[in-house]
């Protein structure tokens, strides 16, 4: 009985760890229609900016359209950079998995670990 409970717990935890990989894939343009949902958004990196003098030192990676007319943003906070690893370069294709949020009228996913970027 104990081993069955341990196995069930392990199975549950491993399925949670792979949730971003199992999220629905949607386009950058469609992301605005999925705010609050778990999804994978894929697009081309058009601009990247690290706000090192701002509180939290965020990095903003815009897909398919550069700031200030961005269509979708991947945000990485300074404290999470070590967990995320190397960030995608301008002109590369990238997918970000997580909960889509609205930030000042534009959809974004906040990336906290390297498993969220592919």
PDB file of N, CA and C in Angstrom:
ATOM      1  N   UNK A   1       0.825  -1.189   0.000  1.00  0.00           N
ATOM      2  CA  UNK A   1       0.000   0.000   0.000  1.00  0.00           C
ATOM      3  C   UNK A   1       0.873   1.257   0.000  1.00  0.00           C
ATOM      4  N   UNK A   2       1.940   1.227   0.818  1.00  0.00           N
ATOM      5  CA  UNK A   2       2.844   2.369   0.895  1.00  0.00           C
ATOM      6  C   UNK A   2       3.532   2.615  -0.450  1.00  0.00           C
ATOM      7  N   UNK A   3       3.948   1.533  -1.101  1.00  0.00           N
ATOM      8  CA  UNK A   3       4.635   1.677  -2.378  1.00  0.00           C
ATOM      9  C   UNK A   3       3.670   2.170  -3.463  1.00  0.00           C
ATOM     10  N   UNK A   4       2.417   1.785  -3.403  1.00  0.00           N
ATOM     11  CA  UNK A   4       1.422   2.267  -4.354  1.00  0.00           C
ATOM     12  C   UNK A   4       1.204   3.769  -4.172  1.00  0.00           C
ATOM     13  N   UNK A   5       1.135   4.216  -2.951  1.00  0.00           N
ATOM     14  CA  UNK A   5       0.968   5.646  -2.668  1.00  0.00           C
ATOM     15  C   UNK A   5       2.200   6.424  -3.137  1.00  0.00           C
ATOM     16  N   UNK A   6       3.380   5.889  -2.893  1.00  0.00           N
ATOM     17  CA  UNK A   6       4.614   6.543  -3.337  1.00  0.00           C
ATOM     18  C   UNK A   6       4.660   6.608  -4.861  1.00  0.00           C
ATOM     19  N   UNK A   7       4.271   5.530  -5.528  1.00  0.00           N
ATOM     20  CA  UNK A   7       4.246   5.507  -6.990  1.00  0.00           C
ATOM     21  C   UNK A   7       3.247   6.533  -7.529  1.00  0.00           C
ATOM     22  N   UNK A   8       2.066   6.602  -6.924  1.00  0.00           N
ATOM     23  CA  UNK A   8       1.047   7.560  -7.347  1.00  0.00           C
ATOM     24  C   UNK A   8       1.530   8.992  -7.182  1.00  0.00           C
ATOM     25  N   UNK A   9       2.187   9.256  -6.081  1.00  0.00           N
ATOM     26  CA  UNK A   9       2.730  10.593  -5.843  1.00  0.00           C
ATOM     27  C   UNK A   9       3.798  10.935  -6.861  1.00  0.00           C
ATOM     28  N   UNK A  10       4.687   9.999  -7.141  1.00  0.00           N
ATOM     29  CA  UNK A  10       5.736  10.205  -8.135  1.00  0.00           C
ATOM     30  C   UNK A  10       5.137  10.445  -9.521  1.00  0.00           C
ATOM     31  N   UNK A  11       4.131   9.701  -9.876  1.00  0.00           N
ATOM     32  CA  UNK A  11       3.460   9.862 -11.163  1.00  0.00           C
ATOM     33  C   UNK A  11       2.814  11.249 -11.267  1.00  0.00           C
ATOM     34  N   UNK A  12       2.160  11.687 -10.223  1.00  0.00           N
ATOM     35  CA  UNK A  12       1.529  13.011 -10.210  1.00  0.00           C
ATOM     36  C   UNK A  12       2.570  14.113 -10.353  1.00  0.00           C
ATOM     37  N   UNK A  13       3.648  14.030  -9.603  1.00  0.00           N
ATOM     38  CA  UNK A  13       4.692  15.049  -9.665  1.00  0.00           C
ATOM     39  C   UNK A  13       5.365  15.086 -11.026  1.00  0.00           C
ATOM     40  N   UNK A  14       5.601  13.921 -11.624  1.00  0.00           N
ATOM     41  CA  UNK A  14       6.238  13.913 -12.937  1.00  0.00           C
ATOM     42  C   UNK A  14       5.305  14.467 -14.004  1.00  0.00           C
ATOM     43  N   UNK A  15       4.011  14.237 -13.882  1.00  0.00           N
ATOM     44  CA  UNK A  15       3.080  14.788 -14.870  1.00  0.00           C
ATOM     45  C   UNK A  15       2.994  16.303 -14.739  1.00  0.00           C
ATOM     46  N   UNK A  16       3.090  16.834 -13.540  1.00  0.00           N
ATOM     47  CA  UNK A  16       3.094  18.286 -13.340  1.00  0.00           C
ATOM     48  C   UNK A  16       4.352  18.890 -13.943  1.00  0.00           C
ATOM     49  N   UNK A  17       5.473  18.213 -13.815  1.00  0.00           N
ATOM     50  CA  UNK A  17       6.735  18.720 -14.357  1.00  0.00           C
ATOM     51  C   UNK A  17       6.684  18.841 -15.876  1.00  0.00           C
ATOM     52  N   UNK A  18       5.882  18.006 -16.538  1.00  0.00           N
ATOM     53  CA  UNK A  18       5.813  18.028 -17.997  1.00  0.00           C
ATOM     54  C   UNK A  18       4.613  18.799 -18.528  1.00  0.00           C
ATOM     55  N   UNK A  19       3.875  19.507 -17.680  1.00  0.00           N
ATOM     56  CA  UNK A  19       2.727  20.277 -18.144  1.00  0.00           C
ATOM     57  C   UNK A  19       3.071  21.265 -19.248  1.00  0.00           C
ATOM     58  N   UNK A  20       4.166  22.056 -19.132  1.00  0.00           N
ATOM     59  CA  UNK A  20       4.462  22.974 -20.219  1.00  0.00           C
ATOM     60  C   UNK A  20       4.656  22.267 -21.555  1.00  0.00           C
ATOM     61  N   UNK A  21       5.239  21.091 -21.553  1.00  0.00           N
ATOM     62  CA  UNK A  21       5.472  20.370 -22.794  1.00  0.00           C
ATOM     63  C   UNK A  21       4.159  19.871 -23.398  1.00  0.00           C
ATOM     64  N   UNK A  22       3.128  19.678 -22.575  1.00  0.00           N
ATOM     65  CA  UNK A  22       1.864  19.158 -23.055  1.00  0.00           C
ATOM     66  C   UNK A  22       0.857  20.265 -23.359  1.00  0.00           C
ATOM     67  N   UNK A  23       1.209  21.519 -23.159  1.00  0.00           N
ATOM     68  CA  UNK A  23       0.284  22.617 -23.377  1.00  0.00           C
ATOM     69  C   UNK A  23      -0.053  22.747 -24.859  1.00  0.00           C
ATOM     70  N   UNK A  24      -1.239  23.288 -25.139  1.00  0.00           N
ATOM     71  CA  UNK A  24      -1.664  23.499 -26.520  1.00  0.00           C
ATOM     72  C   UNK A  24      -0.726  24.491 -27.197  1.00  0.00           C
ATOM     73  N   UNK A  25      -0.340  24.218 -28.465  1.00  0.00           N
ATOM     74  CA  UNK A  25       0.511  25.141 -29.218  1.00  0.00           C
ATOM     75  C   UNK A  25      -0.380  26.126 -29.952  1.00  0.00           C
ATOM     76  N   UNK A  26      -0.075  27.402 -29.778  1.00  0.00           N
ATOM     77  CA  UNK A  26      -0.848  28.440 -30.456  1.00  0.00           C
ATOM     78  C   UNK A  26       0.107  29.449 -31.087  1.00  0.00           C
ATOM     79  N   UNK A  27      -0.418  30.232 -32.000  1.00  0.00           N
ATOM     80  CA  UNK A  27       0.406  31.241 -32.663  1.00  0.00           C
ATOM     81  C   UNK A  27       0.517  32.485 -31.800  1.00  0.00           C
ATOM     82  N   UNK A  28       1.506  33.292 -32.121  1.00  0.00           N
ATOM     83  CA  UNK A  28       1.701  34.568 -31.424  1.00  0.00           C
ATOM     84  C   UNK A  28       0.447  35.425 -31.563  1.00  0.00           C
ATOM     85  N   UNK A  29      -0.108  35.497 -32.755  1.00  0.00           N
ATOM     86  CA  UNK A  29      -1.293  36.330 -33.003  1.00  0.00           C
ATOM     87  C   UNK A  29      -2.510  35.858 -32.213  1.00  0.00           C
ATOM     88  N   UNK A  30      -2.605  34.560 -31.953  1.00  0.00           N
ATOM     89  CA  UNK A  30      -3.752  33.999 -31.238  1.00  0.00           C
ATOM     90  C   UNK A  30      -3.595  34.051 -29.720  1.00  0.00           C
ATOM     91  N   UNK A  31      -2.403  34.352 -29.222  1.00  0.00           N
ATOM     92  CA  UNK A  31      -2.140  34.332 -27.777  1.00  0.00           C
ATOM     93  C   UNK A  31      -3.082  35.243 -26.999  1.00  0.00           C
ATOM     94  N   UNK A  32      -3.466  36.376 -27.572  1.00  0.00           N
ATOM     95  CA  UNK A  32      -4.344  37.327 -26.882  1.00  0.00           C
ATOM     96  C   UNK A  32      -5.710  36.718 -26.559  1.00  0.00           C
ATOM     97  N   UNK A  33      -6.082  35.678 -27.293  1.00  0.00           N
ATOM     98  CA  UNK A  33      -7.363  35.003 -27.070  1.00  0.00           C
ATOM     99  C   UNK A  33      -7.277  33.892 -26.027  1.00  0.00           C
ATOM    100  N   UNK A  34      -6.096  33.710 -25.442  1.00  0.00           N
ATOM    101  CA  UNK A  34      -5.888  32.604 -24.493  1.00  0.00           C
ATOM    102  C   UNK A  34      -5.307  33.079 -23.160  1.00  0.00           C
ATOM    103  N   UNK A  35      -5.530  34.344 -22.810  1.00  0.00           N
ATOM    104  CA  UNK A  35      -5.034  34.871 -21.536  1.00  0.00           C
ATOM    105  C   UNK A  35      -5.644  34.053 -20.387  1.00  0.00           C
ATOM    106  N   UNK A  36      -4.784  33.669 -19.453  1.00  0.00           N
ATOM    107  CA  UNK A  36      -5.207  32.867 -18.310  1.00  0.00           C
ATOM    108  C   UNK A  36      -5.095  31.372 -18.544  1.00  0.00           C
ATOM    109  N   UNK A  37      -4.735  30.980 -19.754  1.00  0.00           N
ATOM    110  CA  UNK A  37      -4.627  29.560 -20.091  1.00  0.00           C
ATOM    111  C   UNK A  37      -3.169  29.118 -20.167  1.00  0.00           C
ATOM    112  N   UNK A  38      -2.957  27.840 -19.920  1.00  0.00           N
ATOM    113  CA  UNK A  38      -1.653  27.205 -20.098  1.00  0.00           C
ATOM    114  C   UNK A  38      -1.501  26.907 -21.581  1.00  0.00           C
ATOM    115  N   UNK A  39      -0.419  27.359 -22.211  1.00  0.00           N
ATOM    116  CA  UNK A  39      -0.225  27.130 -23.645  1.00  0.00           C
ATOM    117  C   UNK A  39       1.251  27.220 -23.991  1.00  0.00           C
ATOM    118  N   UNK A  40       1.556  26.839 -25.223  1.00  0.00           N
ATOM    119  CA  UNK A  40       2.883  27.003 -25.793  1.00  0.00           C
ATOM    120  C   UNK A  40       2.730  27.946 -26.983  1.00  0.00           C
ATOM    121  N   UNK A  41       3.462  29.059 -26.934  1.00  0.00           N
ATOM    122  CA  UNK A  41       3.393  30.077 -27.977  1.00  0.00           C
ATOM    123  C   UNK A  41       4.722  30.078 -28.723  1.00  0.00           C
ATOM    124  N   UNK A  42       4.650  29.963 -30.057  1.00  0.00           N
ATOM    125  CA  UNK A  42       5.859  29.889 -30.874  1.00  0.00           C
ATOM    126  C   UNK A  42       5.901  31.054 -31.854  1.00  0.00           C
ATOM    127  N   UNK A  43       7.104  31.598 -32.059  1.00  0.00           N
ATOM    128  CA  UNK A  43       7.265  32.678 -33.013  1.00  0.00           C
ATOM    129  C   UNK A  43       8.723  33.012 -33.230  1.00  0.00           C
ATOM    130  N   UNK A  44       8.957  34.052 -34.022  1.00  0.00           N
ATOM    131  CA  UNK A  44      10.304  34.507 -34.353  1.00  0.00           C
ATOM    132  C   UNK A  44      10.683  35.680 -33.442  1.00  0.00           C
ATOM    133  N   UNK A  45      11.871  35.621 -32.870  1.00  0.00           N
ATOM    134  CA  UNK A  45      12.356  36.697 -31.999  1.00  0.00           C
ATOM    135  C   UNK A  45      12.682  37.910 -32.863  1.00  0.00           C
ATOM    136  N   UNK A  46      12.005  39.025 -32.577  1.00  0.00           N
ATOM    137  CA  UNK A  46      12.225  40.250 -33.350  1.00  0.00           C
ATOM    138  C   UNK A  46      12.988  41.309 -32.561  1.00  0.00           C
ATOM    139  N   UNK A  47      12.922  41.236 -31.235  1.00  0.00           N
ATOM    140  CA  UNK A  47      13.714  42.159 -30.419  1.00  0.00           C
ATOM    141  C   UNK A  47      13.884  41.581 -29.026  1.00  0.00           C
ATOM    142  N   UNK A  48      14.946  42.032 -28.369  1.00  0.00           N
ATOM    143  CA  UNK A  48      15.262  41.578 -27.006  1.00  0.00           C
ATOM    144  C   UNK A  48      15.878  42.754 -26.272  1.00  0.00           C
ATOM    145  N   UNK A  49      15.407  42.980 -25.040  1.00  0.00           N
ATOM    146  CA  UNK A  49      15.938  44.095 -24.253  1.00  0.00           C
ATOM    147  C   UNK A  49      16.032  43.679 -22.801  1.00  0.00           C
ATOM    148  N   UNK A  50      17.203  43.897 -22.210  1.00  0.00           N
ATOM    149  CA  UNK A  50      17.404  43.661 -20.782  1.00  0.00           C
ATOM    150  C   UNK A  50      17.394  45.010 -20.079  1.00  0.00           C
ATOM    151  N   UNK A  51      16.473  45.174 -19.157  1.00  0.00           N
ATOM    152  CA  UNK A  51      16.344  46.420 -18.408  1.00  0.00           C
ATOM    153  C   UNK A  51      17.152  46.294 -17.115  1.00  0.00           C
ATOM    154  N   UNK A  52      18.465  46.318 -17.238  1.00  0.00           N
ATOM    155  CA  UNK A  52      19.347  46.074 -16.092  1.00  0.00           C
ATOM    156  C   UNK A  52      19.276  47.180 -15.040  1.00  0.00           C
ATOM    157  N   UNK A  53      18.802  48.356 -15.403  1.00  0.00           N
ATOM    158  CA  UNK A  53      18.693  49.428 -14.410  1.00  0.00           C
ATOM    159  C   UNK A  53      17.304  49.487 -13.778  1.00  0.00           C
ATOM    160  N   UNK A  54      16.401  48.607 -14.197  1.00  0.00           N
ATOM    161  CA  UNK A  54      15.055  48.551 -13.622  1.00  0.00           C
ATOM    162  C   UNK A  54      15.006  47.555 -12.474  1.00  0.00           C
ATOM    163  N   UNK A  55      14.062  47.771 -11.551  1.00  0.00           N
ATOM    164  CA  UNK A  55      13.892  46.860 -10.433  1.00  0.00           C
ATOM    165  C   UNK A  55      13.549  45.466 -10.951  1.00  0.00           C
ATOM    166  N   UNK A  56      14.249  44.460 -10.503  1.00  0.00           N
ATOM    167  CA  UNK A  56      14.026  43.081 -10.922  1.00  0.00           C
ATOM    168  C   UNK A  56      14.813  42.690 -12.153  1.00  0.00           C
ATOM    169  N   UNK A  57      15.429  43.652 -12.812  1.00  0.00           N
ATOM    170  CA  UNK A  57      16.258  43.432 -14.000  1.00  0.00           C
ATOM    171  C   UNK A  57      15.617  42.478 -15.014  1.00  0.00           C
ATOM    172  N   UNK A  58      14.418  42.824 -15.498  1.00  0.00           N
ATOM    173  CA  UNK A  58      13.755  41.935 -16.454  1.00  0.00           C
ATOM    174  C   UNK A  58      14.376  41.987 -17.843  1.00  0.00           C
ATOM    175  N   UNK A  59      14.216  40.889 -18.565  1.00  0.00           N
ATOM    176  CA  UNK A  59      14.576  40.821 -19.984  1.00  0.00           C
ATOM    177  C   UNK A  59      13.282  40.555 -20.740  1.00  0.00           C
ATOM    178  N   UNK A  60      13.060  41.328 -21.799  1.00  0.00           N
ATOM    179  CA  UNK A  60      11.855  41.211 -22.608  1.00  0.00           C
ATOM    180  C   UNK A  60      12.244  40.705 -23.998  1.00  0.00           C
ATOM    181  N   UNK A  61      11.644  39.611 -24.401  1.00  0.00           N
ATOM    182  CA  UNK A  61      11.901  39.015 -25.709  1.00  0.00           C
ATOM    183  C   UNK A  61      10.580  39.087 -26.481  1.00  0.00           C
ATOM    184  N   UNK A  62      10.559  39.895 -27.542  1.00  0.00           N
ATOM    185  CA  UNK A  62       9.334  40.092 -28.321  1.00  0.00           C
ATOM    186  C   UNK A  62       9.331  39.195 -29.546  1.00  0.00           C
ATOM    187  N   UNK A  63       8.181  38.572 -29.791  1.00  0.00           N
ATOM    188  CA  UNK A  63       8.036  37.657 -30.910  1.00  0.00           C
ATOM    189  C   UNK A  63       7.167  38.274 -32.007  1.00  0.00           C
ATOM    190  N   UNK A  64       7.594  38.093 -33.237  1.00  0.00           N
ATOM    191  CA  UNK A  64       6.882  38.469 -34.458  1.00  0.00           C
ATOM    192  C   UNK A  64       6.724  39.967 -34.693  1.00  0.00           C
ATOM    193  N   UNK A  65       6.879  40.806 -33.687  1.00  0.00           N
ATOM    194  CA  UNK A  65       6.815  42.257 -33.859  1.00  0.00           C
ATOM    195  C   UNK A  65       7.552  42.909 -32.693  1.00  0.00           C
ATOM    196  N   UNK A  66       8.437  43.837 -33.004  1.00  0.00           N
ATOM    197  CA  UNK A  66       9.291  44.460 -31.984  1.00  0.00           C
ATOM    198  C   UNK A  66       8.536  45.514 -31.171  1.00  0.00           C
ATOM    199  N   UNK A  67       9.055  45.801 -29.983  1.00  0.00           N
ATOM    200  CA  UNK A  67       8.565  46.889 -29.143  1.00  0.00           C
ATOM    201  C   UNK A  67       8.725  48.188 -29.913  1.00  0.00           C
ATOM    202  N   UNK A  68       7.799  49.088 -29.905  1.00  0.00           N
ATOM    203  CA  UNK A  68       6.643  49.255 -29.018  1.00  0.00           C
ATOM    204  C   UNK A  68       5.331  48.692 -29.566  1.00  0.00           C
ATOM    205  N   UNK A  69       5.372  47.978 -30.680  1.00  0.00           N
ATOM    206  CA  UNK A  69       4.137  47.376 -31.214  1.00  0.00           C
ATOM    207  C   UNK A  69       4.207  45.852 -31.097  1.00  0.00           C
ATOM    208  N   UNK A  70       4.710  45.379 -29.974  1.00  0.00           N
ATOM    209  CA  UNK A  70       4.884  43.943 -29.752  1.00  0.00           C
ATOM    210  C   UNK A  70       3.532  43.227 -29.753  1.00  0.00           C
ATOM    211  N   UNK A  71       3.545  42.010 -30.259  1.00  0.00           N
ATOM    212  CA  UNK A  71       2.351  41.176 -30.315  1.00  0.00           C
ATOM    213  C   UNK A  71       2.353  40.189 -29.148  1.00  0.00           C
ATOM    214  N   UNK A  72       3.553  39.769 -28.738  1.00  0.00           N
ATOM    215  CA  UNK A  72       3.704  38.799 -27.657  1.00  0.00           C
ATOM    216  C   UNK A  72       5.099  38.955 -27.060  1.00  0.00           C
ATOM    217  N   UNK A  73       5.180  38.843 -25.735  1.00  0.00           N
ATOM    218  CA  UNK A  73       6.457  39.008 -25.041  1.00  0.00           C
ATOM    219  C   UNK A  73       6.740  37.823 -24.134  1.00  0.00           C
ATOM    220  N   UNK A  74       7.989  37.386 -24.154  1.00  0.00           N
ATOM    221  CA  UNK A  74       8.495  36.430 -23.167  1.00  0.00           C
ATOM    222  C   UNK A  74       9.270  37.275 -22.164  1.00  0.00           C
ATOM    223  N   UNK A  75       8.915  37.191 -20.883  1.00  0.00           N
ATOM    224  CA  UNK A  75       9.604  37.958 -19.843  1.00  0.00           C
ATOM    225  C   UNK A  75      10.414  37.011 -18.970  1.00  0.00           C
ATOM    226  N   UNK A  76      11.640  37.426 -18.678  1.00  0.00           N
ATOM    227  CA  UNK A  76      12.517  36.653 -17.797  1.00  0.00           C
ATOM    228  C   UNK A  76      13.057  37.622 -16.751  1.00  0.00           C
ATOM    229  N   UNK A  77      12.764  37.373 -15.477  1.00  0.00           N
ATOM    230  CA  UNK A  77      13.257  38.227 -14.401  1.00  0.00           C
ATOM    231  C   UNK A  77      14.713  37.895 -14.089  1.00  0.00           C
ATOM    232  N   UNK A  78      15.442  38.882 -13.631  1.00  0.00           N
ATOM    233  CA  UNK A  78      16.869  38.727 -13.338  1.00  0.00           C
ATOM    234  C   UNK A  78      17.167  37.556 -12.420  1.00  0.00           C
ATOM    235  N   UNK A  79      16.344  37.368 -11.390  1.00  0.00           N
ATOM    236  CA  UNK A  79      16.562  36.267 -10.442  1.00  0.00           C
ATOM    237  C   UNK A  79      16.376  34.897 -11.094  1.00  0.00           C
ATOM    238  N   UNK A  80      15.644  34.841 -12.193  1.00  0.00           N
ATOM    239  CA  UNK A  80      15.379  33.569 -12.865  1.00  0.00           C
ATOM    240  C   UNK A  80      16.363  33.271 -13.990  1.00  0.00           C
ATOM    241  N   UNK A  81      17.200  34.229 -14.362  1.00  0.00           N
ATOM    242  CA  UNK A  81      18.117  34.040 -15.496  1.00  0.00           C
ATOM    243  C   UNK A  81      18.986  32.794 -15.344  1.00  0.00           C
ATOM    244  N   UNK A  82      19.491  32.534 -14.132  1.00  0.00           N
ATOM    245  CA  UNK A  82      20.359  31.369 -13.929  1.00  0.00           C
ATOM    246  C   UNK A  82      19.592  30.062 -14.154  1.00  0.00           C
ATOM    247  N   UNK A  83      18.282  30.053 -13.881  1.00  0.00           N
ATOM    248  CA  UNK A  83      17.460  28.857 -14.094  1.00  0.00           C
ATOM    249  C   UNK A  83      17.060  28.689 -15.560  1.00  0.00           C
ATOM    250  N   UNK A  84      17.002  29.786 -16.286  1.00  0.00           N
ATOM    251  CA  UNK A  84      16.572  29.765 -17.677  1.00  0.00           C
ATOM    252  C   UNK A  84      17.726  29.414 -18.601  1.00  0.00           C
ATOM    253  N   UNK A  85      18.906  29.920 -18.306  1.00  0.00           N
ATOM    254  CA  UNK A  85      20.060  29.665 -19.158  1.00  0.00           C
ATOM    255  C   UNK A  85      20.126  30.638 -20.316  1.00  0.00           C
ATOM    256  N   UNK A  86      20.687  30.180 -21.430  1.00  0.00           N
ATOM    257  CA  UNK A  86      20.877  31.037 -22.591  1.00  0.00           C
ATOM    258  C   UNK A  86      19.529  31.421 -23.200  1.00  0.00           C
ATOM    259  N   UNK A  87      19.390  32.700 -23.496  1.00  0.00           N
ATOM    260  CA  UNK A  87      18.155  33.203 -24.084  1.00  0.00           C
ATOM    261  C   UNK A  87      18.235  33.140 -25.606  1.00  0.00           C
ATOM    262  N   UNK A  88      17.089  33.029 -26.265  1.00  0.00           N
ATOM    263  CA  UNK A  88      17.088  32.981 -27.728  1.00  0.00           C
ATOM    264  C   UNK A  88      17.560  34.302 -28.332  1.00  0.00           C
ATOM    265  N   UNK A  89      18.194  34.223 -29.475  1.00  0.00           N
ATOM    266  CA  UNK A  89      18.731  35.388 -30.181  1.00  0.00           C
ATOM    267  C   UNK A  89      17.712  35.941 -31.171  1.00  0.00           C
ATOM    268  N   UNK A  90      17.879  37.211 -31.525  1.00  0.00           N
ATOM    269  CA  UNK A  90      17.049  37.845 -32.541  1.00  0.00           C
ATOM    270  C   UNK A  90      17.149  37.036 -33.829  1.00  0.00           C
ATOM    271  N   UNK A  91      16.041  36.861 -34.499  1.00  0.00           N
ATOM    272  CA  UNK A  91      15.868  36.107 -35.749  1.00  0.00           C
ATOM    273  C   UNK A  91      15.697  34.601 -35.528  1.00  0.00           C
ATOM    274  N   UNK A  92      15.877  34.104 -34.314  1.00  0.00           N
ATOM    275  CA  UNK A  92      15.669  32.674 -34.072  1.00  0.00           C
ATOM    276  C   UNK A  92      14.191  32.398 -33.793  1.00  0.00           C
ATOM    277  N   UNK A  93      13.783  31.138 -33.991  1.00  0.00           N
ATOM    278  CA  UNK A  93      12.425  30.729 -33.621  1.00  0.00           C
ATOM    279  C   UNK A  93      12.479  30.140 -32.226  1.00  0.00           C
ATOM    280  N   UNK A  94      11.449  30.429 -31.443  1.00  0.00           N
ATOM    281  CA  UNK A  94      11.401  29.945 -30.069  1.00  0.00           C
ATOM    282  C   UNK A  94       9.955  29.655 -29.691  1.00  0.00           C
ATOM    283  N   UNK A  95       9.798  28.726 -28.769  1.00  0.00           N
ATOM    284  CA  UNK A  95       8.487  28.440 -28.180  1.00  0.00           C
ATOM    285  C   UNK A  95       8.609  28.636 -26.677  1.00  0.00           C
ATOM    286  N   UNK A  96       7.621  29.285 -26.089  1.00  0.00           N
ATOM    287  CA  UNK A  96       7.573  29.482 -24.643  1.00  0.00           C
ATOM    288  C   UNK A  96       6.303  28.830 -24.114  1.00  0.00           C
ATOM    289  N   UNK A  97       6.441  28.071 -23.039  1.00  0.00           N
ATOM    290  CA  UNK A  97       5.300  27.388 -22.429  1.00  0.00           C
ATOM    291  C   UNK A  97       5.042  27.950 -21.050  1.00  0.00           C
ATOM    292  N   UNK A  98       3.768  28.126 -20.739  1.00  0.00           N
ATOM    293  CA  UNK A  98       3.374  28.632 -19.432  1.00  0.00           C
ATOM    294  C   UNK A  98       1.992  29.248 -19.506  1.00  0.00           C
ATOM    295  N   UNK A  99       1.616  29.940 -18.449  1.00  0.00           N
ATOM    296  CA  UNK A  99       0.322  30.607 -18.412  1.00  0.00           C
ATOM    297  C   UNK A  99       0.457  31.956 -19.101  1.00  0.00           C
ATOM    298  N   UNK A 100      -0.421  32.203 -20.063  1.00  0.00           N
ATOM    299  CA  UNK A 100      -0.416  33.481 -20.773  1.00  0.00           C
ATOM    300  C   UNK A 100      -1.074  34.530 -19.887  1.00  0.00           C
ATOM    301  N   UNK A 101      -0.367  35.651 -19.711  1.00  0.00           N
ATOM    302  CA  UNK A 101      -0.867  36.757 -18.907  1.00  0.00           C
ATOM    303  C   UNK A 101      -1.018  37.990 -19.789  1.00  0.00           C
ATOM    304  N   UNK A 102      -1.828  38.930 -19.340  1.00  0.00           N
ATOM    305  CA  UNK A 102      -1.945  40.203 -20.032  1.00  0.00           C
ATOM    306  C   UNK A 102      -1.100  41.223 -19.289  1.00  0.00           C
ATOM    307  N   UNK A 103      -0.211  41.890 -20.006  1.00  0.00           N
ATOM    308  CA  UNK A 103       0.575  42.958 -19.411  1.00  0.00           C
ATOM    309  C   UNK A 103       0.398  44.210 -20.259  1.00  0.00           C
ATOM    310  N   UNK A 104      -0.378  45.136 -19.736  1.00  0.00           N
ATOM    311  CA  UNK A 104      -0.650  46.406 -20.411  1.00  0.00           C
ATOM    312  C   UNK A 104      -1.172  46.209 -21.828  1.00  0.00           C
ATOM    313  N   UNK A 105      -2.077  45.270 -21.986  1.00  0.00           N
ATOM    314  CA  UNK A 105      -2.722  45.049 -23.272  1.00  0.00           C
ATOM    315  C   UNK A 105      -2.028  44.084 -24.204  1.00  0.00           C
ATOM    316  N   UNK A 106      -0.877  43.574 -23.830  1.00  0.00           N
ATOM    317  CA  UNK A 106      -0.157  42.621 -24.672  1.00  0.00           C
ATOM    318  C   UNK A 106       0.023  41.307 -23.912  1.00  0.00           C
ATOM    319  N   UNK A 107      -0.167  40.184 -24.576  1.00  0.00           N
ATOM    320  CA  UNK A 107       0.011  38.896 -23.902  1.00  0.00           C
ATOM    321  C   UNK A 107       1.486  38.583 -23.677  1.00  0.00           C
ATOM    322  N   UNK A 108       1.752  37.884 -22.583  1.00  0.00           N
ATOM    323  CA  UNK A 108       3.120  37.476 -22.275  1.00  0.00           C
ATOM    324  C   UNK A 108       3.114  36.181 -21.489  1.00  0.00           C
ATOM    325  N   UNK A 109       4.256  35.508 -21.526  1.00  0.00           N
ATOM    326  CA  UNK A 109       4.528  34.379 -20.640  1.00  0.00           C
ATOM    327  C   UNK A 109       5.789  34.721 -19.866  1.00  0.00           C
ATOM    328  N   UNK A 110       5.726  34.572 -18.545  1.00  0.00           N
ATOM    329  CA  UNK A 110       6.908  34.761 -17.707  1.00  0.00           C
ATOM    330  C   UNK A 110       7.617  33.413 -17.613  1.00  0.00           C
ATOM    331  N   UNK A 111       8.875  33.389 -18.038  1.00  0.00           N
ATOM    332  CA  UNK A 111       9.670  32.163 -18.054  1.00  0.00           C
ATOM    333  C   UNK A 111      10.560  32.150 -16.816  1.00  0.00           C
ATOM    334  N   UNK A 112      10.494  31.051 -16.060  1.00  0.00           N
ATOM    335  CA  UNK A 112      11.256  30.932 -14.818  1.00  0.00           C
ATOM    336  C   UNK A 112      12.267  29.781 -14.841  1.00  0.00           C
ATOM    337  N   UNK A 113      12.169  28.882 -15.848  1.00  0.00           N
ATOM    338  CA  UNK A 113      13.116  27.761 -15.926  1.00  0.00           C
ATOM    339  C   UNK A 113      13.378  27.399 -17.402  1.00  0.00           C
ATOM    340  N   UNK A 114      14.478  26.691 -17.629  1.00  0.00           N
ATOM    341  CA  UNK A 114      14.862  26.369 -19.002  1.00  0.00           C
ATOM    342  C   UNK A 114      13.895  25.418 -19.680  1.00  0.00           C
ATOM    343  N   UNK A 115      13.117  24.678 -18.936  1.00  0.00           N
ATOM    344  CA  UNK A 115      12.133  23.776 -19.518  1.00  0.00           C
ATOM    345  C   UNK A 115      10.975  24.492 -20.200  1.00  0.00           C
ATOM    346  N   UNK A 116      10.838  25.779 -19.961  1.00  0.00           N
ATOM    347  CA  UNK A 116       9.741  26.535 -20.557  1.00  0.00           C
ATOM    348  C   UNK A 116      10.080  27.059 -21.947  1.00  0.00           C
ATOM    349  N   UNK A 117      11.352  27.003 -22.352  1.00  0.00           N
ATOM    350  CA  UNK A 117      11.773  27.485 -23.668  1.00  0.00           C
ATOM    351  C   UNK A 117      12.244  26.326 -24.530  1.00  0.00           C
ATOM    352  N   UNK A 118      11.792  26.304 -25.765  1.00  0.00           N
ATOM    353  CA  UNK A 118      12.267  25.297 -26.714  1.00  0.00           C
ATOM    354  C   UNK A 118      12.519  25.944 -28.052  1.00  0.00           C
TER     355      UNK A 118
END
